[in-house]
C-alpha atoms as a PDB file:
ATOM      1  CA  MET A   1     -27.804  37.734  13.657  1.00  0.00           C
ATOM      2  CA  ILE A   2     -26.459  33.445  13.303  1.00  0.00           C
ATOM      3  CA  GLU A   3     -24.371  32.485  16.539  1.00  0.00           C
ATOM      4  CA  THR A   4     -21.341  30.833  15.603  1.00  0.00           C
ATOM      5  CA  LEU A   5     -18.272  29.149  17.121  1.00  0.00           C
ATOM      6  CA  LYS A   6     -15.074  30.282  15.344  1.00  0.00           C
ATOM      7  CA  ILE A   7     -11.741  28.769  16.052  1.00  0.00           C
ATOM      8  CA  THR A   8      -8.466  30.622  14.869  1.00  0.00           C
ATOM      9  CA  ASP A   9      -5.197  29.868  14.399  1.00  0.00           C
ATOM     10  CA  LEU A  10      -5.436  27.750  17.206  1.00  0.00           C
ATOM     11  CA  HIS A  11      -2.233  26.125  18.412  1.00  0.00           C
ATOM     12  CA  VAL A  12      -2.357  23.302  21.652  1.00  0.00           C
ATOM     13  CA  ALA A  13       0.283  21.878  23.390  1.00  0.00           C
ATOM     14  CA  VAL A  14      -0.016  19.081  25.938  1.00  0.00           C
ATOM     15  CA  GLU A  15       2.886  18.782  28.639  1.00  0.00           C
ATOM     16  CA  GLY A  16       4.466  20.871  26.189  1.00  0.00           C
ATOM     17  CA  LYS A  17       4.528  18.977  23.137  1.00  0.00           C
ATOM     18  CA  PRO A  18       2.388  20.911  20.709  1.00  0.00           C
ATOM     19  CA  ILE A  19      -0.446  18.813  19.093  1.00  0.00           C
ATOM     20  CA  LEU A  20      -2.316  21.200  17.172  1.00  0.00           C
ATOM     21  CA  ASN A  21      -0.600  23.609  14.569  1.00  0.00           C
ATOM     22  CA  GLY A  22      -2.809  26.256  13.605  1.00  0.00           C
ATOM     23  CA  VAL A  23      -6.981  24.987  13.234  1.00  0.00           C
ATOM     24  CA  ASN A  24      -9.203  27.456  11.943  1.00  0.00           C
ATOM     25  CA  LEU A  25     -13.123  26.351  11.928  1.00  0.00           C
ATOM     26  CA  GLU A  26     -15.920  27.985  12.258  1.00  0.00           C
ATOM     27  CA  ILE A  27     -19.327  26.185  12.907  1.00  0.00           C
ATOM     28  CA  ARG A  28     -22.623  27.844  12.958  1.00  0.00           C
ATOM     29  CA  ARG A  29     -25.506  27.013  15.089  1.00  0.00           C
ATOM     30  CA  GLY A  30     -27.903  24.437  12.563  1.00  0.00           C
ATOM     31  CA  GLU A  31     -24.529  23.119  10.658  1.00  0.00           C
ATOM     32  CA  THR A  32     -23.149  19.741  11.198  1.00  0.00           C
ATOM     33  CA  HIS A  33     -19.459  19.297  10.708  1.00  0.00           C
ATOM     34  CA  ALA A  34     -17.537  16.107  10.196  1.00  0.00           C
ATOM     35  CA  LEU A  35     -13.867  16.207  11.759  1.00  0.00           C
ATOM     36  CA  MET A  36     -12.038  12.662  10.502  1.00  0.00           C
ATOM     37  CA  GLY A  37      -8.453  11.953  10.269  1.00  0.00           C
ATOM     38  CA  PRO A  38      -6.014   9.538  11.688  1.00  0.00           C
ATOM     39  CA  ASN A  39      -5.150   8.448  15.005  1.00  0.00           C
ATOM     40  CA  GLY A  40      -3.245  11.050  16.659  1.00  0.00           C
ATOM     41  CA  SER A  41      -3.985  13.634  14.141  1.00  0.00           C
ATOM     42  CA  GLY A  42      -5.188  16.147  17.073  1.00  0.00           C
ATOM     43  CA  LYS A  43      -9.206  15.978  16.804  1.00  0.00           C
ATOM     44  CA  SER A  44      -9.552  15.177  20.529  1.00  0.00           C
ATOM     45  CA  THR A  45      -7.144  17.439  21.515  1.00  0.00           C
ATOM     46  CA  LEU A  46      -9.570  20.204  19.368  1.00  0.00           C
ATOM     47  CA  GLY A  47     -12.415  19.269  21.226  1.00  0.00           C
ATOM     48  CA  ASN A  48     -11.061  18.892  24.713  1.00  0.00           C
ATOM     49  CA  ALA A  49      -9.488  23.090  23.905  1.00  0.00           C
ATOM     50  CA  ILE A  50     -12.801  24.173  22.673  1.00  0.00           C
ATOM     51  CA  MET A  51     -14.058  22.527  26.210  1.00  0.00           C
ATOM     52  CA  GLY A  52     -11.516  24.195  28.015  1.00  0.00           C
ATOM     53  CA  HIS A  53      -9.991  21.039  29.496  1.00  0.00           C
ATOM     54  CA  PRO A  54      -7.067  22.123  31.681  1.00  0.00           C
ATOM     55  CA  ASN A  55      -4.426  19.859  30.658  1.00  0.00           C
ATOM     56  CA  TYR A  56      -4.574  21.217  27.465  1.00  0.00           C
ATOM     57  CA  GLU A  57      -2.942  24.457  26.750  1.00  0.00           C
ATOM     58  CA  VAL A  58      -3.538  27.147  24.244  1.00  0.00           C
ATOM     59  CA  THR A  59      -0.306  28.718  23.172  1.00  0.00           C
ATOM     60  CA  GLU A  60      -1.475  30.605  20.321  1.00  0.00           C
ATOM     61  CA  GLY A  61      -5.157  31.872  18.400  1.00  0.00           C
ATOM     62  CA  THR A  62      -8.790  32.108  19.916  1.00  0.00           C
ATOM     63  CA  ILE A  63     -11.723  30.367  20.600  1.00  0.00           C
ATOM     64  CA  GLU A  64     -14.561  32.714  20.430  1.00  0.00           C
ATOM     65  CA  LEU A  65     -18.703  32.346  20.526  1.00  0.00           C
ATOM     66  CA  ASN A  66     -20.370  34.896  19.047  1.00  0.00           C
ATOM     67  CA  GLY A  67     -17.053  36.935  19.021  1.00  0.00           C
ATOM     68  CA  GLU A  68     -16.528  36.344  22.533  1.00  0.00           C
ATOM     69  CA  ASN A  69     -12.844  35.162  23.042  1.00  0.00           C
ATOM     70  CA  VAL A  70     -14.039  31.903  25.551  1.00  0.00           C
ATOM     71  CA  LEU A  71     -10.199  31.146  26.712  1.00  0.00           C
ATOM     72  CA  GLU A  72     -10.176  32.697  29.884  1.00  0.00           C
ATOM     73  CA  TRP A  73     -13.353  31.301  30.666  1.00  0.00           C
ATOM     74  CA  ASP A  74     -13.291  27.332  32.523  1.00  0.00           C
ATOM     75  CA  ALA A  75     -15.312  25.019  31.619  1.00  0.00           C
ATOM     76  CA  SER A  76     -18.321  25.418  33.433  1.00  0.00           C
ATOM     77  CA  GLU A  77     -18.688  28.685  32.331  1.00  0.00           C
ATOM     78  CA  ARG A  78     -18.106  27.516  28.775  1.00  0.00           C
ATOM     79  CA  ALA A  79     -20.871  24.688  29.562  1.00  0.00           C
ATOM     80  CA  ARG A  80     -23.450  27.318  30.800  1.00  0.00           C
ATOM     81  CA  ALA A  81     -22.654  29.719  27.674  1.00  0.00           C
ATOM     82  CA  GLY A  82     -23.810  26.734  25.592  1.00  0.00           C
ATOM     83  CA  ILE A  83     -21.258  24.896  24.635  1.00  0.00           C
ATOM     84  CA  PHE A  84     -21.135  21.473  25.404  1.00  0.00           C
ATOM     85  CA  MET A  85     -18.865  17.791  24.606  1.00  0.00           C
ATOM     86  CA  ALA A  86     -19.864  14.017  24.318  1.00  0.00           C
ATOM     87  CA  PHE A  87     -16.427  13.019  25.449  1.00  0.00           C
ATOM     88  CA  GLN A  88     -14.947   9.460  23.855  1.00  0.00           C
ATOM     89  CA  ARG A  89     -13.954   8.308  27.240  1.00  0.00           C
ATOM     90  CA  PRO A  90     -16.465   9.786  30.425  1.00  0.00           C
ATOM     91  CA  MET A  91     -15.336   9.412  33.500  1.00  0.00           C
ATOM     92  CA  ALA A  92     -17.914   7.384  36.241  1.00  0.00           C
ATOM     93  CA  ILE A  93     -18.699   9.747  39.505  1.00  0.00           C
ATOM     94  CA  PRO A  94     -19.763   6.539  42.006  1.00  0.00           C
ATOM     95  CA  GLY A  95     -22.478   7.935  44.211  1.00  0.00           C
ATOM     96  CA  VAL A  96     -24.281  10.715  42.028  1.00  0.00           C
ATOM     97  CA  LYS A  97     -27.060   9.185  40.721  1.00  0.00           C
ATOM     98  CA  LEU A  98     -27.547  10.289  36.468  1.00  0.00           C
ATOM     99  CA  ALA A  99     -30.981  12.274  37.406  1.00  0.00           C
ATOM    100  CA  GLU A 100     -29.676  13.988  40.081  1.00  0.00           C
ATOM    101  CA  PHE A 101     -26.700  15.125  37.766  1.00  0.00           C
ATOM    102  CA  LEU A 102     -28.574  16.158  35.367  1.00  0.00           C
ATOM    103  CA  ARG A 103     -31.056  17.979  37.519  1.00  0.00           C
ATOM    104  CA  HIS A 104     -28.089  20.527  38.875  1.00  0.00           C
ATOM    105  CA  ALA A 105     -26.405  21.107  34.820  1.00  0.00           C
ATOM    106  CA  THR A 106     -29.921  21.412  33.510  1.00  0.00           C
ATOM    107  CA  THR A 107     -30.511  24.100  35.891  1.00  0.00           C
ATOM    108  CA  ASN A 108     -27.150  25.337  35.896  1.00  0.00           C
ATOM    109  CA  VAL A 109     -27.229  25.966  32.064  1.00  0.00           C
ATOM    110  CA  ARG A 110     -30.128  27.123  32.007  1.00  0.00           C
ATOM    111  CA  ASN A 111     -29.997  30.069  34.722  1.00  0.00           C
ATOM    112  CA  PRO A 112     -26.068  30.596  34.235  1.00  0.00           C
ATOM    113  CA  ASN A 113     -26.471  33.326  37.075  1.00  0.00           C
ATOM    114  CA  ARG A 114     -27.753  30.687  39.787  1.00  0.00           C
ATOM    115  CA  LYS A 115     -25.702  31.014  42.895  1.00  0.00           C
ATOM    116  CA  GLU A 116     -24.798  27.528  44.763  1.00  0.00           C
ATOM    117  CA  GLY A 117     -27.922  26.501  47.163  1.00  0.00           C
ATOM    118  CA  GLU A 118     -30.695  28.589  44.838  1.00  0.00           C
ATOM    119  CA  GLU A 119     -33.520  26.588  43.324  1.00  0.00           C
ATOM    120  CA  LEU A 120     -33.436  23.648  41.215  1.00  0.00           C
ATOM    121  CA  ILE A 121     -35.677  22.997  38.303  1.00  0.00           C
ATOM    122  CA  PRO A 122     -38.934  21.978  39.875  1.00  0.00           C
ATOM    123  CA  MET A 123     -38.862  18.489  40.527  1.00  0.00           C
ATOM    124  CA  ARG A 124     -42.122  17.367  38.749  1.00  0.00           C
ATOM    125  CA  ASP A 125     -40.876  19.561  35.746  1.00  0.00           C
ATOM    126  CA  PHE A 126     -37.976  18.174  35.932  1.00  0.00           C
ATOM    127  CA  ARG A 127     -39.065  14.459  35.885  1.00  0.00           C
ATOM    128  CA  LYS A 128     -41.376  14.800  33.093  1.00  0.00           C
ATOM    129  CA  GLU A 129     -38.936  16.247  31.137  1.00  0.00           C
ATOM    130  CA  LEU A 130     -36.279  13.285  31.822  1.00  0.00           C
ATOM    131  CA  LYS A 131     -38.981  10.832  31.060  1.00  0.00           C
ATOM    132  CA  ALA A 132     -39.842  12.600  27.967  1.00  0.00           C
ATOM    133  CA  LYS A 133     -36.248  12.378  26.644  1.00  0.00           C
ATOM    134  CA  MET A 134     -35.665   9.085  27.792  1.00  0.00           C
ATOM    135  CA  ASP A 135     -38.526   7.689  26.076  1.00  0.00           C
ATOM    136  CA  GLN A 136     -37.174   9.465  23.085  1.00  0.00           C
ATOM    137  CA  LEU A 137     -34.047   7.999  22.834  1.00  0.00           C
ATOM    138  CA  ARG A 138     -35.713   4.352  23.541  1.00  0.00           C
ATOM    139  CA  MET A 139     -33.648   4.085  26.935  1.00  0.00           C
ATOM    140  CA  ASP A 140     -35.285   2.328  30.437  1.00  0.00           C
ATOM    141  CA  PRO A 141     -36.297   4.604  33.063  1.00  0.00           C
ATOM    142  CA  ASP A 142     -34.019   2.644  35.583  1.00  0.00           C
ATOM    143  CA  PHE A 143     -31.219   4.130  33.930  1.00  0.00           C
ATOM    144  CA  ALA A 144     -31.523   7.456  35.543  1.00  0.00           C
ATOM    145  CA  ARG A 145     -31.305   6.035  39.128  1.00  0.00           C
ATOM    146  CA  ARG A 146     -27.983   4.837  38.559  1.00  0.00           C
ATOM    147  CA  TYR A 147     -24.939   5.971  39.373  1.00  0.00           C
ATOM    148  CA  VAL A 148     -23.244   8.018  36.391  1.00  0.00           C
ATOM    149  CA  ASN A 149     -21.301   6.047  33.776  1.00  0.00           C
ATOM    150  CA  ASP A 150     -20.154   3.623  37.056  1.00  0.00           C
ATOM    151  CA  GLY A 151     -20.237   0.439  35.515  1.00  0.00           C
ATOM    152  CA  PHE A 152     -21.869   1.289  32.486  1.00  0.00           C
ATOM    153  CA  SER A 153     -21.377  -0.527  29.311  1.00  0.00           C
ATOM    154  CA  GLY A 154     -19.666   1.510  26.552  1.00  0.00           C
ATOM    155  CA  GLY A 155     -22.963   1.964  24.848  1.00  0.00           C
ATOM    156  CA  GLU A 156     -24.578   2.864  27.773  1.00  0.00           C
ATOM    157  CA  MET A 157     -21.942   5.227  28.392  1.00  0.00           C
ATOM    158  CA  LYS A 158     -22.563   7.282  24.671  1.00  0.00           C
ATOM    159  CA  ARG A 159     -26.474   7.018  25.668  1.00  0.00           C
ATOM    160  CA  ALA A 160     -25.802   8.827  28.801  1.00  0.00           C
ATOM    161  CA  GLU A 161     -24.283  11.466  26.792  1.00  0.00           C
ATOM    162  CA  ILE A 162     -26.551  11.880  23.915  1.00  0.00           C
ATOM    163  CA  LEU A 163     -29.333  12.041  27.236  1.00  0.00           C
ATOM    164  CA  GLN A 164     -26.857  14.902  28.501  1.00  0.00           C
ATOM    165  CA  MET A 165     -27.195  16.644  25.424  1.00  0.00           C
ATOM    166  CA  ALA A 166     -30.699  16.087  25.287  1.00  0.00           C
ATOM    167  CA  MET A 167     -31.327  17.966  28.280  1.00  0.00           C
ATOM    168  CA  LEU A 168     -29.095  20.810  28.078  1.00  0.00           C
ATOM    169  CA  ARG A 169     -29.764  21.241  24.792  1.00  0.00           C
ATOM    170  CA  PRO A 170     -26.451  23.126  24.225  1.00  0.00           C
ATOM    171  CA  LYS A 171     -25.569  25.921  21.320  1.00  0.00           C
ATOM    172  CA  PHE A 172     -22.598  24.162  20.103  1.00  0.00           C
ATOM    173  CA  ALA A 173     -21.966  20.205  20.680  1.00  0.00           C
ATOM    174  CA  ILE A 174     -19.143  18.309  19.909  1.00  0.00           C
ATOM    175  CA  LEU A 175     -19.298  14.884  19.824  1.00  0.00           C
ATOM    176  CA  ASP A 176     -15.852  12.916  20.394  1.00  0.00           C
ATOM    177  CA  GLU A 177     -16.355   9.663  18.667  1.00  0.00           C
ATOM    178  CA  THR A 178     -19.478   8.627  19.961  1.00  0.00           C
ATOM    179  CA  ASP A 179     -19.729   5.599  17.883  1.00  0.00           C
ATOM    180  CA  SER A 180     -17.151   4.017  18.991  1.00  0.00           C
ATOM    181  CA  GLY A 181     -16.970   0.454  20.687  1.00  0.00           C
ATOM    182  CA  LEU A 182     -20.879   0.543  19.307  1.00  0.00           C
ATOM    183  CA  ASP A 183     -22.250  -2.410  17.706  1.00  0.00           C
ATOM    184  CA  VAL A 184     -23.915  -1.658  14.235  1.00  0.00           C
ATOM    185  CA  ASP A 185     -28.091  -1.286  15.710  1.00  0.00           C
ATOM    186  CA  ALA A 186     -26.342   0.927  18.531  1.00  0.00           C
ATOM    187  CA  VAL A 187     -24.596   3.441  16.077  1.00  0.00           C
ATOM    188  CA  LYS A 188     -27.946   3.561  13.908  1.00  0.00           C
ATOM    189  CA  LEU A 189     -29.579   4.565  16.760  1.00  0.00           C
ATOM    190  CA  ALA A 190     -26.905   6.573  17.936  1.00  0.00           C
ATOM    191  CA  SER A 191     -27.356   8.869  14.922  1.00  0.00           C
ATOM    192  CA  GLN A 192     -30.978   9.058  14.772  1.00  0.00           C
ATOM    193  CA  SER A 193     -30.928  10.159  18.408  1.00  0.00           C
ATOM    194  CA  ILE A 194     -28.812  13.172  17.785  1.00  0.00           C
ATOM    195  CA  ALA A 195     -30.456  14.104  14.465  1.00  0.00           C
ATOM    196  CA  GLU A 196     -33.393  14.476  16.546  1.00  0.00           C
ATOM    197  CA  ILE A 197     -32.300  16.303  18.887  1.00  0.00           C
ATOM    198  CA  GLY A 198     -30.069  18.650  17.350  1.00  0.00           C
ATOM    199  CA  GLY A 199     -31.745  19.763  14.345  1.00  0.00           C
ATOM    200  CA  ALA A 200     -31.271  23.341  13.454  1.00  0.00           C
ATOM    201  CA  ASP A 201     -31.042  24.381  17.117  1.00  0.00           C
ATOM    202  CA  MET A 202     -27.325  23.007  17.431  1.00  0.00           C
ATOM    203  CA  GLY A 203     -24.081  23.807  15.601  1.00  0.00           C
ATOM    204  CA  ILE A 204     -23.258  20.256  16.277  1.00  0.00           C
ATOM    205  CA  LEU A 205     -19.438  18.922  15.462  1.00  0.00           C
ATOM    206  CA  ILE A 206     -18.822  14.878  14.822  1.00  0.00           C
ATOM    207  CA  ILE A 207     -15.305  13.716  15.730  1.00  0.00           C
ATOM    208  CA  THR A 208     -15.356  10.131  13.797  1.00  0.00           C
ATOM    209  CA  HIS A 209     -13.486   7.883  11.688  1.00  0.00           C
ATOM    210  CA  HIS A 210     -16.394   6.331  10.441  1.00  0.00           C
ATOM    211  CA  ASP A 211     -19.423   7.080   8.172  1.00  0.00           C
ATOM    212  CA  LYS A 212     -22.370   5.406   9.960  1.00  0.00           C
ATOM    213  CA  LEU A 213     -22.788   7.881  13.027  1.00  0.00           C
ATOM    214  CA  LEU A 214     -23.475  10.899   9.969  1.00  0.00           C
ATOM    215  CA  GLU A 215     -26.173   8.435   8.240  1.00  0.00           C
ATOM    216  CA  HIS A 216     -28.905  10.482   9.850  1.00  0.00           C
ATOM    217  CA  ASN A 217     -26.850  13.828  10.328  1.00  0.00           C
ATOM    218  CA  LEU A 218     -25.510  14.691   6.829  1.00  0.00           C
ATOM    219  CA  PRO A 219     -22.787  17.027   7.465  1.00  0.00           C
ATOM    220  CA  GLN A 220     -22.404  20.652   5.487  1.00  0.00           C
ATOM    221  CA  TYR A 221     -18.548  20.177   5.486  1.00  0.00           C
ATOM    222  CA  THR A 222     -16.376  17.312   6.814  1.00  0.00           C
ATOM    223  CA  HIS A 223     -12.502  18.252   7.528  1.00  0.00           C
ATOM    224  CA  VAL A 224      -9.479  16.339   7.616  1.00  0.00           C
ATOM    225  CA  MET A 225      -6.885  16.487  10.124  1.00  0.00           C
ATOM    226  CA  LEU A 226      -3.266  15.814   9.719  1.00  0.00           C
ATOM    227  CA  GLY A 227      -0.544  16.995  11.435  1.00  0.00           C
ATOM    228  CA  GLY A 228      -2.747  18.802  13.857  1.00  0.00           C
ATOM    229  CA  ARG A 229      -3.953  21.397  11.634  1.00  0.00           C
ATOM    230  CA  ILE A 230      -7.376  20.826   9.166  1.00  0.00           C
ATOM    231  CA  VAL A 231      -5.415  20.353   5.414  1.00  0.00           C
ATOM    232  CA  GLU A 232      -8.833  19.804   3.426  1.00  0.00           C
ATOM    233  CA  THR A 233     -12.469  20.700   3.636  1.00  0.00           C
ATOM    234  CA  GLY A 234     -15.176  19.016   1.556  1.00  0.00           C
ATOM    235  CA  GLY A 235     -19.050  18.228   1.948  1.00  0.00           C
ATOM    236  CA  VAL A 236     -20.696  14.355   2.560  1.00  0.00           C
ATOM    237  CA  GLU A 237     -18.844  13.004   0.099  1.00  0.00           C
ATOM    238  CA  LEU A 238     -15.335  13.407   1.035  1.00  0.00           C
ATOM    239  CA  ALA A 239     -16.339  11.347   4.672  1.00  0.00           C
ATOM    240  CA  LYS A 240     -17.568   8.457   2.572  1.00  0.00           C
ATOM    241  CA  GLU A 241     -14.021   8.828   0.455  1.00  0.00           C
ATOM    242  CA  LEU A 242     -12.372   8.840   3.873  1.00  0.00           C
ATOM    243  CA  TYR A 243     -14.347   5.713   5.557  1.00  0.00           C
ATOM    244  CA  THR A 244     -14.058   3.953   2.189  1.00  0.00           C
ATOM    245  CA  GLU A 245     -10.673   4.156   0.880  1.00  0.00           C
ATOM    246  CA  GLY A 246      -8.332   6.033   3.483  1.00  0.00           C
ATOM    247  CA  TYR A 247      -6.146   8.398   4.166  1.00  0.00           C
ATOM    248  CA  ASP A 248      -3.011   7.625   1.423  1.00  0.00           C
ATOM    249  CA  ARG A 249      -4.582  10.355  -0.858  1.00  0.00           C
ATOM    250  CA  VAL A 250      -4.594  12.696   1.902  1.00  0.00           C
ATOM    251  CA  ARG A 251      -0.966  11.785   3.406  1.00  0.00           C
ATOM    252  CA  ALA A 252       0.313  12.090  -0.306  1.00  0.00           C
ATOM    253  CA  ALA A 253      -1.448  15.616  -0.419  1.00  0.00           C
ATOM    254  CA  TYR A 254       0.011  17.004   2.442  1.00  0.00           C
ATOM    255  CA  PRO A 255       3.462  15.860   2.901  1.00  0.00           C
ATOM    256  CA  VAL A 256       4.235  18.782   5.371  1.00  0.00           C
ATOM    257  CA  ALA A 257       1.416  17.911   7.620  1.00  0.00           C
ATOM    258  CA  GLU A 258       2.464  14.101   7.751  1.00  0.00           C
ATOM    259  CA  LEU A 259       5.836  14.984   8.473  1.00  0.00           C
ATOM    260  CA  ALA A 260       4.249  17.678  11.383  1.00  0.00           C
ATOM    261  CA  ALA A 261       2.265  14.386  12.852  1.00  0.00           C
ATOM    262  CA  THR A 262       5.131  11.867  12.946  1.00  0.00           C
ATOM    263  CA  THR A 263       7.968  14.544  14.419  1.00  0.00           C
END
């Protein structure tokens, strides 16, 4: 049985304002999907809703992981079940070293029934695996001794998010504009790293405005979001068109959705 993350007729509001207006999307494990659209169309809202952010209220619809509705699960339960999100603007956690954070998070994801105070992954095993992943991502070992995102540059934050994905090995990963704020070389490295880590083991949803992050992660499906719903789906050629031509054609083709985006 192929594992799936399925979103059906999803409506989401933030502080009482409707943002998503009936999103339908199904991602199978091993697939790569790109989600593109103008600013304010609801892309990040979809990611946050899937992950269970408490500020995003699901007013209608379902989010199912392998047939189970996850809407009653909090974010930590969704993470333990295999859903991961790399945030566009990750939070800093002063006083918590990245390695310590990753050891606890990795233990909890790999042992979902672990209780607080029970044993973590043995330190020797964890250090060996962490070093291997950091070598793969071409990261300085000292990086793991820094506090999580505290004083990190934009590029360092994004690399830390990719390292988390590498260690947690989720079933489904949502990458929210991982390329934003990165220079050309950093985007290329991020694209290569995601491809090496994901492969056939993850279902990946890449939220992006550009096509460079997709260079090594060719999407089987590219979705266009407008006015809080997915209005069009195609292949990798659609991502290239949107990057080079913009959204004028899409706006003209779906005026009702465009109206919803501005009201």
